[in-house]
Amino acid sequence: MRQPYASDPTQSRGRRFPEEESTFRSPFQRDRDRIIHSSAFRRLKHKTQVFIEHEGDYFRTRLTHSIEVAQVARTIAGVLGLDFALTEAVALAHDLGHPPFGHTGEEALNRLMAPYGGFDHNAQAVRIVTSLERHYAEFDGLNLTWETLEGLAKHNGPVTGELPWALAEYNAVHDLELHTYASAEAQVAAISDDIAYNNHDLHDGLRAELFSTDELAELPLLDDCFAEVDRKYPGLNYYRRRHEALRRFFGVLVEDVIGGARARLEALDPKTVTDIRHAGRAMVYFSEPVWTDLKKIRQFLFERMYRAPSVVEMRARMTDVVMELFPLLMTRPDLMPKQWRKDVAEADSETALARIVGDYIAGMTDRFAIQTHDRLVCGTG
């Protein structure tokens, strides 16, 4: 049942550029569909989650991760009585701004862009959906509703202090009220991101043989999950055993978030979505005991997976790709595809050019970045 604090599509603050409403889709459903059909969303298929896209067909990519986040978010939104479509829209779009090679690419691009305002993947997601997607006749971007843009900008909480330039530039013309919390739908999308990657990174680390099932069975939360599987299915096949345990771990996280959010919402008793935004704290997050255990699991992943020698070696190689492409394109912007040349011709400063080059590199998939580097830098493409 829809709750009074859910975002109501009939009361949306609308779009920056007014449009006729759909006769059969709500504004938030329309946002979700535009995101799914965007070029940036398709490119997530070949963008890194942890492992470089070409390292194996079974590892998560940004696309499969985003789909998993949306599935979790829809489940939680349904239980809490929130708007499904807005929750899905934020979940599906939350990683659109990631450059190739995951956080490795982001760190490299941020260093390169430091003299020109830096690079932030959340701000870049807003830039993509408000400017860089250029398919519609009447506007740049996807012309999403205020609520979806708000969710993208601040699903992790209020954005204060010095803003990333891409976010500041858009917020100056379309105020997203960055000082407040986002809707409950956006908060659900954010926690679903945490649930999804904490679960699937364990799957991927096992597949990459960076740690063993026995090691996982000794970690907090997971120890109880493995014990339950062993009690119910003694002698279960190795692969089925770990899958069943990780299924239970997934469920523990989802149930913890739902239970905590219900209790906080009941205590606050919000009457409108505005009450959520001005609550002064988030409503949707892990309980303290689960969060304490999750931090131990994340530390394990950091040491055994994210900083594994094979992963670090690949990260160093991919950092070089970005670090070498950027200065080359700054001196030779004519090497960029022709659809970028109009923007280059209109660049009236080094900063403007750097931001165009940054947009171009950030939009690359892993494979395209490697191929472009091989062709332009190594001369081997």
Protein backbone atom coordinates (compact mmCIF):
# COMPACT_ATOMS: atom_id res chain seq x y z
CA MET A 1 0.00 0.00 0.00
CA ARG A 2 1.33 3.40 -0.97
CA GLN A 3 2.31 5.44 2.06
CA PRO A 4 1.67 9.18 2.45
CA TYR A 5 5.43 9.87 2.52
CA ALA A 6 5.95 8.20 -0.87
CA SER A 7 6.78 10.38 -3.85
CA ASP A 8 3.55 10.96 -5.75
CA PRO A 9 4.04 11.16 -9.53
CA THR A 10 0.88 13.26 -9.86
CA GLN A 11 2.53 15.85 -7.59
CA SER A 12 5.92 15.85 -9.31
CA ARG A 13 7.75 19.15 -9.48
CA GLY A 14 8.01 18.50 -13.18
CA ARG A 15 10.74 18.75 -15.77
CA ARG A 16 13.05 21.63 -16.58
CA PHE A 17 11.58 21.72 -20.09
CA PRO A 18 7.79 21.23 -19.98
CA GLU A 19 6.38 18.32 -21.96
CA GLU A 20 2.97 16.78 -22.50
CA GLU A 21 2.42 13.93 -20.06
CA SER A 22 2.15 10.35 -21.28
CA THR A 23 -1.33 8.90 -21.43
CA PHE A 24 -0.25 5.53 -20.02
CA ARG A 25 2.97 6.07 -18.01
CA SER A 26 3.58 8.12 -14.90
CA PRO A 27 6.35 10.76 -15.05
CA PHE A 28 8.61 8.48 -13.00
CA GLN A 29 7.92 5.50 -15.26
CA ARG A 30 8.84 7.66 -18.19
CA ASP A 31 12.10 8.64 -16.48
CA ARG A 32 12.95 5.00 -15.87
CA ASP A 33 12.27 4.12 -19.49
CA ARG A 34 14.35 7.01 -20.83
CA ILE A 35 17.26 5.88 -18.68
CA ILE A 36 17.01 2.30 -19.95
CA HIS A 37 16.97 3.51 -23.57
CA SER A 38 19.87 5.93 -23.14
CA SER A 39 23.25 5.41 -24.77
CA ALA A 40 24.99 5.78 -21.40
CA PHE A 41 22.97 2.91 -19.92
CA ARG A 42 23.89 0.58 -22.80
CA ARG A 43 27.56 1.43 -22.38
CA LEU A 44 27.46 0.10 -18.81
CA LYS A 45 27.52 -3.38 -20.37
CA HIS A 46 31.23 -2.97 -21.05
CA LYS A 47 32.28 -0.97 -17.98
CA THR A 48 34.14 -2.37 -15.01
CA GLN A 49 32.58 -3.19 -11.67
CA VAL A 50 35.74 -4.69 -10.09
CA PHE A 51 37.23 -6.85 -12.81
CA ILE A 52 38.07 -5.36 -16.20
CA GLU A 53 35.32 -6.17 -18.67
CA HIS A 54 37.41 -8.52 -20.83
CA GLU A 55 38.75 -10.59 -17.89
CA GLY A 56 35.77 -12.97 -17.85
CA ASP A 57 32.19 -13.30 -18.99
CA TYR A 58 30.83 -14.19 -15.56
CA PHE A 59 32.03 -11.20 -13.58
CA ARG A 60 29.65 -8.33 -12.86
CA THR A 61 29.76 -5.27 -15.06
CA ARG A 62 28.26 -1.86 -14.27
CA LEU A 63 25.17 -2.92 -16.23
CA THR A 64 24.50 -6.16 -14.38
CA HIS A 65 25.27 -4.39 -11.11
CA SER A 66 22.73 -1.65 -11.90
CA ILE A 67 20.08 -4.23 -12.75
CA GLU A 68 20.72 -6.05 -9.46
CA VAL A 69 20.51 -2.76 -7.55
CA ALA A 70 17.18 -1.98 -9.21
CA GLN A 71 15.82 -5.43 -8.30
CA VAL A 72 16.73 -5.01 -4.64
CA ALA A 73 15.43 -1.44 -4.60
CA ARG A 74 12.10 -2.42 -6.11
CA THR A 75 11.65 -5.12 -3.47
CA ILE A 76 12.36 -2.76 -0.57
CA ALA A 77 10.26 0.04 -2.07
CA GLY A 78 7.31 -2.30 -2.38
CA VAL A 79 7.47 -3.35 1.25
CA LEU A 80 7.81 0.26 2.44
CA GLY A 81 4.95 1.52 0.27
CA LEU A 82 7.10 3.76 -1.94
CA ASP A 83 6.91 4.59 -5.63
CA PHE A 84 8.40 1.69 -7.63
CA ALA A 85 9.25 3.62 -10.76
CA LEU A 86 11.13 6.48 -9.08
CA THR A 87 13.12 3.99 -7.00
CA GLU A 88 14.03 2.02 -10.12
CA ALA A 89 14.92 5.14 -12.08
CA VAL A 90 17.45 6.30 -9.48
CA ALA A 91 18.81 2.77 -9.06
CA LEU A 92 19.28 2.22 -12.78
CA ALA A 93 20.93 5.61 -13.33
CA HIS A 94 23.13 5.83 -10.24
CA ASP A 95 26.27 4.57 -12.03
CA LEU A 96 25.81 6.25 -15.42
CA GLY A 97 28.66 8.65 -14.64
CA HIS A 98 31.32 6.03 -14.02
CA PRO A 99 34.24 6.19 -16.48
CA PRO A 100 35.93 3.06 -17.83
CA PHE A 101 37.82 0.83 -15.37
CA GLY A 102 35.60 1.61 -12.39
CA HIS A 103 37.06 3.51 -9.46
CA THR A 104 40.52 3.15 -11.01
CA GLY A 105 39.41 5.20 -14.00
CA GLU A 106 37.65 7.70 -11.77
CA GLU A 107 40.73 8.26 -9.62
CA ALA A 108 42.92 8.78 -12.69
CA LEU A 109 40.44 11.12 -14.34
CA ASN A 110 40.01 13.10 -11.13
CA ARG A 111 43.77 13.65 -10.91
CA LEU A 112 43.92 14.76 -14.52
CA MET A 113 40.91 17.03 -14.11
CA ALA A 114 42.05 18.56 -10.81
CA PRO A 115 43.15 21.85 -12.45
CA TYR A 116 39.80 22.05 -14.24
CA GLY A 117 37.36 21.31 -11.41
CA GLY A 118 37.98 17.60 -10.84
CA PHE A 119 35.80 14.61 -11.70
CA ASP A 120 33.02 13.01 -9.64
CA HIS A 121 30.97 10.13 -11.00
CA ASN A 122 27.75 11.16 -9.23
CA ALA A 123 28.00 14.68 -10.65
CA GLN A 124 28.85 13.17 -14.04
CA ALA A 125 25.66 11.10 -13.93
CA VAL A 126 23.68 14.32 -13.55
CA ARG A 127 25.67 15.87 -16.39
CA ILE A 128 24.92 12.91 -18.66
CA VAL A 129 21.16 12.95 -18.10
CA THR A 130 20.90 16.76 -18.31
CA SER A 131 23.32 17.53 -21.14
CA LEU A 132 25.42 14.81 -22.78
CA GLU A 133 22.60 12.54 -24.00
CA ARG A 134 21.63 14.37 -27.16
CA HIS A 135 18.85 12.52 -28.94
CA TYR A 136 15.71 14.59 -28.42
CA ALA A 137 14.60 17.39 -30.69
CA GLU A 138 13.64 19.94 -28.03
CA PHE A 139 16.35 19.59 -25.36
CA ASP A 140 19.72 18.16 -24.44
CA GLY A 141 19.76 15.34 -21.92
CA LEU A 142 16.79 13.18 -20.96
CA ASN A 143 14.73 15.96 -19.34
CA LEU A 144 14.05 13.84 -16.26
CA THR A 145 11.76 14.93 -13.45
CA TRP A 146 13.06 17.01 -10.57
CA GLU A 147 12.60 14.03 -8.23
CA THR A 148 14.80 11.70 -10.29
CA LEU A 149 17.51 14.34 -10.67
CA GLU A 150 17.35 15.02 -6.94
CA GLY A 151 17.80 11.31 -6.28
CA LEU A 152 20.83 11.09 -8.55
CA ALA A 153 22.44 14.15 -6.98
CA LYS A 154 21.96 13.31 -3.32
CA HIS A 155 20.96 9.66 -2.88
CA ASN A 156 23.94 9.35 -0.51
CA GLY A 157 22.75 12.29 1.58
CA PRO A 158 22.84 16.10 1.43
CA VAL A 159 25.60 17.57 -0.72
CA THR A 160 27.28 20.42 1.11
CA GLY A 161 30.53 22.34 0.93
CA GLU A 162 32.26 22.86 -2.39
CA LEU A 163 30.19 21.21 -5.10
CA PRO A 164 31.65 19.19 -7.97
CA TRP A 165 31.67 21.56 -10.93
CA ALA A 166 29.30 19.47 -13.05
CA LEU A 167 26.71 19.40 -10.27
CA ALA A 168 27.17 23.09 -9.41
CA GLU A 169 26.73 24.07 -13.05
CA TYR A 170 23.37 22.30 -13.32
CA ASN A 171 22.13 23.21 -9.86
CA ALA A 172 22.64 26.90 -10.68
CA VAL A 173 19.89 26.70 -13.30
CA HIS A 174 17.66 24.06 -11.68
CA ASP A 175 17.80 24.03 -7.88
CA LEU A 176 17.84 20.47 -6.54
CA GLU A 177 17.83 21.59 -2.89
CA LEU A 178 21.14 19.85 -2.26
CA HIS A 179 21.16 20.77 1.44
CA THR A 180 18.27 18.40 2.27
CA TYR A 181 17.96 14.63 2.27
CA ALA A 182 16.53 12.94 -0.80
CA SER A 183 13.22 11.11 -0.99
CA ALA A 184 12.83 7.72 0.64
CA GLU A 185 12.88 6.23 -2.86
CA ALA A 186 16.38 7.61 -3.51
CA GLN A 187 17.54 6.45 -0.08
CA VAL A 188 16.33 2.95 -0.93
CA ALA A 189 18.27 3.05 -4.20
CA ALA A 190 21.42 4.06 -2.31
CA ILE A 191 21.24 1.29 0.30
CA SER A 192 20.36 -1.22 -2.43
CA ASP A 193 23.65 -0.33 -4.11
CA ASP A 194 25.46 -1.30 -0.90
CA ILE A 195 23.49 -4.54 -0.57
CA ALA A 196 24.12 -5.54 -4.17
CA TYR A 197 27.85 -4.94 -4.29
CA ASN A 198 28.56 -6.42 -0.85
CA ASN A 199 26.85 -9.59 -2.06
CA HIS A 200 28.08 -9.87 -5.62
CA ASP A 201 31.69 -8.89 -4.87
CA LEU A 202 31.84 -12.01 -2.67
CA HIS A 203 30.54 -14.05 -5.61
CA ASP A 204 33.07 -12.53 -8.01
CA GLY A 205 35.97 -12.88 -5.59
CA LEU A 206 35.19 -16.58 -5.20
CA ARG A 207 34.97 -17.06 -8.95
CA ALA A 208 38.33 -15.32 -9.36
CA GLU A 209 39.74 -17.63 -6.65
CA LEU A 210 41.02 -14.70 -4.61
CA PHE A 211 39.74 -16.36 -1.43
CA SER A 212 38.03 -19.60 -0.45
CA THR A 213 34.58 -20.57 0.68
CA ASP A 214 36.03 -21.69 4.01
CA GLU A 215 37.44 -18.20 4.57
CA LEU A 216 34.03 -16.65 3.90
CA ALA A 217 32.38 -19.05 6.32
CA GLU A 218 34.47 -17.55 9.13
CA LEU A 219 33.31 -13.96 8.55
CA PRO A 220 30.55 -12.36 10.67
CA LEU A 221 27.00 -12.70 9.30
CA LEU A 222 28.26 -15.25 6.78
CA ASP A 223 29.19 -17.74 9.50
CA ASP A 224 25.55 -18.06 10.54
CA CYS A 225 24.45 -18.32 6.90
CA PHE A 226 26.83 -21.20 6.20
CA ALA A 227 25.86 -22.90 9.47
CA GLU A 228 22.18 -22.76 8.51
CA VAL A 229 22.88 -24.26 5.09
CA ASP A 230 24.98 -27.04 6.63
CA ARG A 231 22.20 -27.89 9.07
CA LYS A 232 19.53 -27.96 6.39
CA TYR A 233 21.59 -29.54 3.59
CA PRO A 234 24.38 -31.66 5.09
CA GLY A 235 26.92 -32.78 2.48
CA LEU A 236 25.68 -30.28 -0.13
CA ASN A 237 27.79 -29.81 -3.24
CA TYR A 238 30.56 -27.16 -2.80
CA TYR A 239 29.12 -24.70 -5.35
CA ARG A 240 25.51 -25.08 -4.22
CA ARG A 241 26.57 -24.67 -0.58
CA ARG A 242 28.21 -21.32 -1.11
CA HIS A 243 25.37 -20.13 -3.33
CA GLU A 244 22.79 -21.02 -0.70
CA ALA A 245 24.84 -19.26 2.00
CA LEU A 246 25.24 -16.10 -0.06
CA ARG A 247 21.51 -16.13 -0.82
CA ARG A 248 20.87 -16.07 2.91
CA PHE A 249 23.43 -13.31 3.43
CA PHE A 250 21.60 -11.26 0.80
CA GLY A 251 18.33 -11.83 2.63
CA VAL A 252 19.82 -10.83 5.98
CA LEU A 253 20.87 -7.46 4.57
CA VAL A 254 17.52 -6.77 2.92
CA GLU A 255 15.52 -7.75 6.01
CA ASP A 256 17.76 -5.63 8.25
CA VAL A 257 17.21 -2.54 6.09
CA ILE A 258 13.45 -3.08 5.88
CA GLY A 259 13.07 -3.61 9.61
CA GLY A 260 15.13 -0.56 10.52
CA ALA A 261 13.45 1.69 7.97
CA ARG A 262 9.98 0.67 9.16
CA ALA A 263 10.87 1.50 12.75
CA ARG A 264 12.38 4.89 11.88
CA LEU A 265 9.45 5.83 9.65
CA GLU A 266 6.96 4.83 12.33
CA ALA A 267 8.82 6.96 14.88
CA LEU A 268 8.98 9.98 12.56
CA ASP A 269 5.41 9.53 11.30
CA PRO A 270 6.00 11.59 8.14
CA LYS A 271 2.89 12.89 6.38
CA THR A 272 4.55 13.88 3.09
CA VAL A 273 7.76 13.32 1.15
CA THR A 274 8.80 16.80 2.30
CA ASP A 275 8.88 15.48 5.86
CA ILE A 276 11.38 12.85 4.70
CA ARG A 277 13.60 15.49 3.10
CA HIS A 278 13.62 17.63 6.24
CA ALA A 279 13.90 14.84 8.80
CA GLY A 280 17.51 15.79 9.52
CA ARG A 281 18.70 12.22 9.08
CA ALA A 282 18.35 9.31 6.70
CA MET A 283 15.48 6.88 7.13
CA VAL A 284 16.90 3.91 5.20
CA TYR A 285 20.17 2.31 6.33
CA PHE A 286 21.65 -0.71 8.08
CA SER A 287 21.26 -1.33 11.80
CA GLU A 288 24.38 -0.71 13.89
CA PRO A 289 25.10 -4.43 14.55
CA VAL A 290 24.82 -5.35 10.86
CA TRP A 291 26.83 -2.30 9.80
CA THR A 292 29.59 -3.26 12.26
CA ASP A 293 29.76 -6.75 10.78
CA LEU A 294 29.59 -5.42 7.23
CA LYS A 295 32.61 -3.22 7.84
CA LYS A 296 34.59 -6.35 8.73
CA ILE A 297 33.44 -8.03 5.52
CA ARG A 298 34.36 -4.94 3.51
CA GLN A 299 37.79 -4.86 5.11
CA PHE A 300 38.23 -8.50 4.08
CA LEU A 301 37.24 -7.64 0.51
CA PHE A 302 39.56 -4.65 0.49
CA GLU A 303 42.55 -6.73 1.53
CA ARG A 304 41.84 -9.91 -0.40
CA MET A 305 40.09 -8.63 -3.52
CA TYR A 306 40.38 -4.91 -4.24
CA ARG A 307 44.08 -4.96 -3.30
CA ALA A 308 44.87 -8.43 -4.59
CA PRO A 309 48.15 -8.38 -6.61
CA SER A 310 46.40 -9.39 -9.85
CA VAL A 311 43.77 -6.67 -9.42
CA VAL A 312 46.36 -4.05 -8.47
CA GLU A 313 48.47 -4.95 -11.51
CA MET A 314 45.49 -4.57 -13.84
CA ARG A 315 44.52 -1.30 -12.15
CA ALA A 316 47.98 0.10 -12.81
CA ARG A 317 47.76 -0.82 -16.49
CA MET A 318 44.34 0.74 -16.85
CA THR A 319 45.46 3.89 -15.00
CA ASP A 320 48.14 4.32 -17.66
CA VAL A 321 45.50 4.10 -20.39
CA VAL A 322 43.58 7.05 -18.96
CA MET A 323 46.66 9.04 -17.96
CA GLU A 324 48.09 8.80 -21.48
CA LEU A 325 44.87 9.36 -23.42
CA PHE A 326 43.94 12.61 -21.67
CA PRO A 327 47.05 14.72 -22.49
CA LEU A 328 47.11 13.40 -26.04
CA LEU A 329 43.51 14.48 -26.65
CA MET A 330 44.16 17.84 -24.99
CA THR A 331 46.87 18.55 -27.56
CA ARG A 332 45.11 16.75 -30.43
CA PRO A 333 41.35 17.19 -29.92
CA ASP A 334 40.98 16.63 -33.67
CA LEU A 335 41.52 12.93 -32.90
CA MET A 336 38.10 12.82 -31.23
CA PRO A 337 35.09 11.66 -33.29
CA LYS A 338 33.43 14.29 -35.45
CA GLN A 339 30.33 14.59 -33.25
CA TRP A 340 32.58 16.08 -30.56
CA ARG A 341 34.28 18.62 -32.81
CA LYS A 342 31.51 21.22 -32.61
CA ASP A 343 31.91 21.31 -28.84
CA VAL A 344 35.69 21.53 -29.24
CA ALA A 345 35.36 24.41 -31.69
CA GLU A 346 33.19 26.31 -29.21
CA ALA A 347 35.57 25.73 -26.26
CA ASP A 348 36.79 29.17 -25.24
CA SER A 349 39.36 28.14 -22.61
CA GLU A 350 41.65 25.33 -21.58
CA THR A 351 39.18 24.42 -18.84
CA ALA A 352 36.32 24.15 -21.31
CA LEU A 353 38.42 21.89 -23.56
CA ALA A 354 39.54 19.74 -20.62
CA ARG A 355 35.95 19.18 -19.58
CA ILE A 356 35.03 18.08 -23.10
CA VAL A 357 37.96 15.66 -23.18
CA GLY A 358 36.95 14.44 -19.71
CA ASP A 359 33.38 13.87 -20.89
CA TYR A 360 34.65 11.92 -23.90
CA ILE A 361 36.96 9.65 -21.90
CA ALA A 362 34.39 9.17 -19.12
CA GLY A 363 31.89 7.91 -21.67
CA MET A 364 34.25 5.25 -23.04
CA THR A 365 33.71 1.59 -22.29
CA ASP A 366 36.65 -0.48 -21.07
CA ARG A 367 37.22 -2.09 -24.44
CA PHE A 368 36.88 1.16 -26.39
CA ALA A 369 39.34 2.93 -24.08
CA ILE A 370 41.88 0.12 -24.52
CA GLN A 371 41.38 0.04 -28.29
CA THR A 372 41.65 3.83 -28.57
CA HIS A 373 44.80 3.84 -26.45
CA ASP A 374 46.34 1.07 -28.56
CA ARG A 375 45.53 2.96 -31.75
CA LEU A 376 46.41 6.52 -30.77
CA VAL A 377 49.16 6.04 -28.17
CA CYS A 378 50.77 2.70 -28.98
CA GLY A 379 50.09 2.71 -32.73
CA THR A 380 49.06 -0.94 -32.57
CA GLY A 381 45.27 -0.71 -32.97
